[in-house]
Amino acid sequence: MTGGSNRDLRGVQGSQEVKDALGSFLTGRSGYRVSDAPLFRSCPGCKQRITEVTKFCPHCGLAVQKQEVQRPKNCPKCKATLALDQNFCTECGTKIDVPSA
């Protein structure tokens, strides 16, 4: 039988290499990583669950524009590429300081 693969990928499905490849594939850009961060947040007004891209809460009508915080894209010490949710560099262990909003 030809074509296809019998390789068991369950052991590598959550690996950083797979996340990097998927991020690059989905965005068409290198250096993008798939994040494990949730796609939902709570409305600050009514505390109902809303999506990350919601501009106005569908439950209470509050304007819920997400405040953008500039996170570093690379480690300041070793220059490794960082995921958006990293608080420490996975290459050298440096703490990543994020400016407050």
Protein backbone atom coordinates (compact mmCIF):
# COMPACT_ATOMS: atom_id res chain seq x y z
CA MET A 1 0.00 0.00 0.00
CA THR A 2 1.45 3.37 -0.96
CA GLY A 3 0.64 6.91 0.10
CA GLY A 4 -0.20 8.05 3.60
CA SER A 5 1.69 7.42 6.77
CA ASN A 6 1.39 4.97 9.60
CA ARG A 7 3.46 7.12 11.95
CA ASP A 8 1.84 7.69 15.35
CA LEU A 9 1.88 11.47 15.89
CA ARG A 10 0.13 11.51 19.27
CA GLY A 11 3.43 11.91 21.09
CA VAL A 12 4.41 15.09 19.23
CA GLN A 13 1.04 16.80 18.67
CA GLY A 14 1.57 19.27 21.53
CA SER A 15 5.27 19.91 20.83
CA GLN A 16 6.59 23.40 20.21
CA GLU A 17 7.85 22.36 16.76
CA VAL A 18 4.33 21.37 15.72
CA LYS A 19 2.91 24.62 17.15
CA ASP A 20 5.55 26.66 15.26
CA ALA A 21 4.84 24.82 12.00
CA LEU A 22 1.09 25.23 12.40
CA GLY A 23 1.46 28.93 13.22
CA SER A 24 3.60 29.48 10.13
CA PHE A 25 1.20 27.46 7.97
CA LEU A 26 -1.91 29.30 9.16
CA THR A 27 -0.47 32.83 8.93
CA GLY A 28 1.89 32.41 6.00
CA ARG A 29 4.60 34.06 8.10
CA SER A 30 7.54 32.53 9.88
CA GLY A 31 7.96 33.05 13.61
CA TYR A 32 4.25 32.82 14.46
CA ARG A 33 3.35 30.30 17.14
CA VAL A 34 0.06 28.74 18.04
CA SER A 35 -0.79 29.88 21.54
CA ASP A 36 -2.43 27.84 24.26
CA ALA A 37 -4.11 31.02 25.51
CA PRO A 38 -7.91 30.90 25.68
CA LEU A 39 -9.92 32.63 22.98
CA PHE A 40 -12.41 33.92 25.52
CA ARG A 41 -12.37 36.47 28.31
CA SER A 42 -14.87 37.94 30.74
CA CYS A 43 -16.74 41.18 30.18
CA PRO A 44 -15.55 43.69 32.81
CA GLY A 45 -19.14 44.90 33.24
CA CYS A 46 -21.35 41.80 33.53
CA LYS A 47 -18.65 39.10 33.83
CA GLN A 48 -20.20 37.04 31.01
CA ARG A 49 -17.92 35.08 28.68
CA ILE A 50 -17.09 36.94 25.46
CA THR A 51 -14.62 36.31 22.65
CA GLU A 52 -11.25 38.04 22.43
CA VAL A 53 -12.34 39.99 19.34
CA THR A 54 -15.65 41.27 20.76
CA LYS A 55 -15.92 45.07 20.65
CA PHE A 56 -19.23 45.38 22.50
CA CYS A 57 -20.56 42.87 25.02
CA PRO A 58 -23.65 41.14 23.59
CA HIS A 59 -25.02 40.71 27.14
CA CYS A 60 -24.76 44.23 28.59
CA GLY A 61 -23.64 46.41 25.65
CA LEU A 62 -20.44 47.63 27.31
CA ALA A 63 -17.63 48.68 24.95
CA VAL A 64 -14.92 46.12 25.67
CA GLN A 65 -12.04 47.13 23.42
CA LYS A 66 -9.05 45.02 24.28
CA GLN A 67 -6.11 47.06 25.53
CA GLU A 68 -3.08 46.14 23.50
CA VAL A 69 0.13 45.63 25.45
CA GLN A 70 3.34 45.59 23.47
CA ARG A 71 5.11 42.39 24.40
CA PRO A 72 8.68 41.80 23.29
CA LYS A 73 8.93 39.53 20.23
CA ASN A 74 12.42 38.33 21.10
CA CYS A 75 14.26 37.58 24.33
CA PRO A 76 16.35 40.63 25.32
CA LYS A 77 19.24 38.36 26.36
CA CYS A 78 19.53 35.58 23.75
CA LYS A 79 17.22 37.00 21.01
CA ALA A 80 15.13 33.77 20.80
CA THR A 81 11.64 34.21 19.36
CA LEU A 82 8.97 34.43 22.09
CA ALA A 83 5.35 33.29 22.05
CA LEU A 84 2.80 35.92 23.06
CA ASP A 85 2.05 34.21 26.37
CA GLN A 86 5.64 33.52 27.51
CA ASN A 87 6.78 35.02 30.80
CA PHE A 88 10.20 33.38 30.64
CA CYS A 89 12.48 32.59 27.71
CA THR A 90 12.49 28.85 27.01
CA GLU A 91 16.05 29.05 25.67
CA CYS A 92 17.91 30.92 28.43
CA GLY A 93 15.35 31.32 31.26
CA THR A 94 15.34 35.12 31.27
CA LYS A 95 12.20 36.69 32.82
CA ILE A 96 10.29 38.62 30.18
CA ASP A 97 9.13 42.01 31.47
CA VAL A 98 5.83 43.16 30.00
CA PRO A 99 4.85 46.82 30.29
CA SER A 100 1.53 47.35 32.06
CA ALA A 101 -1.43 48.68 30.08
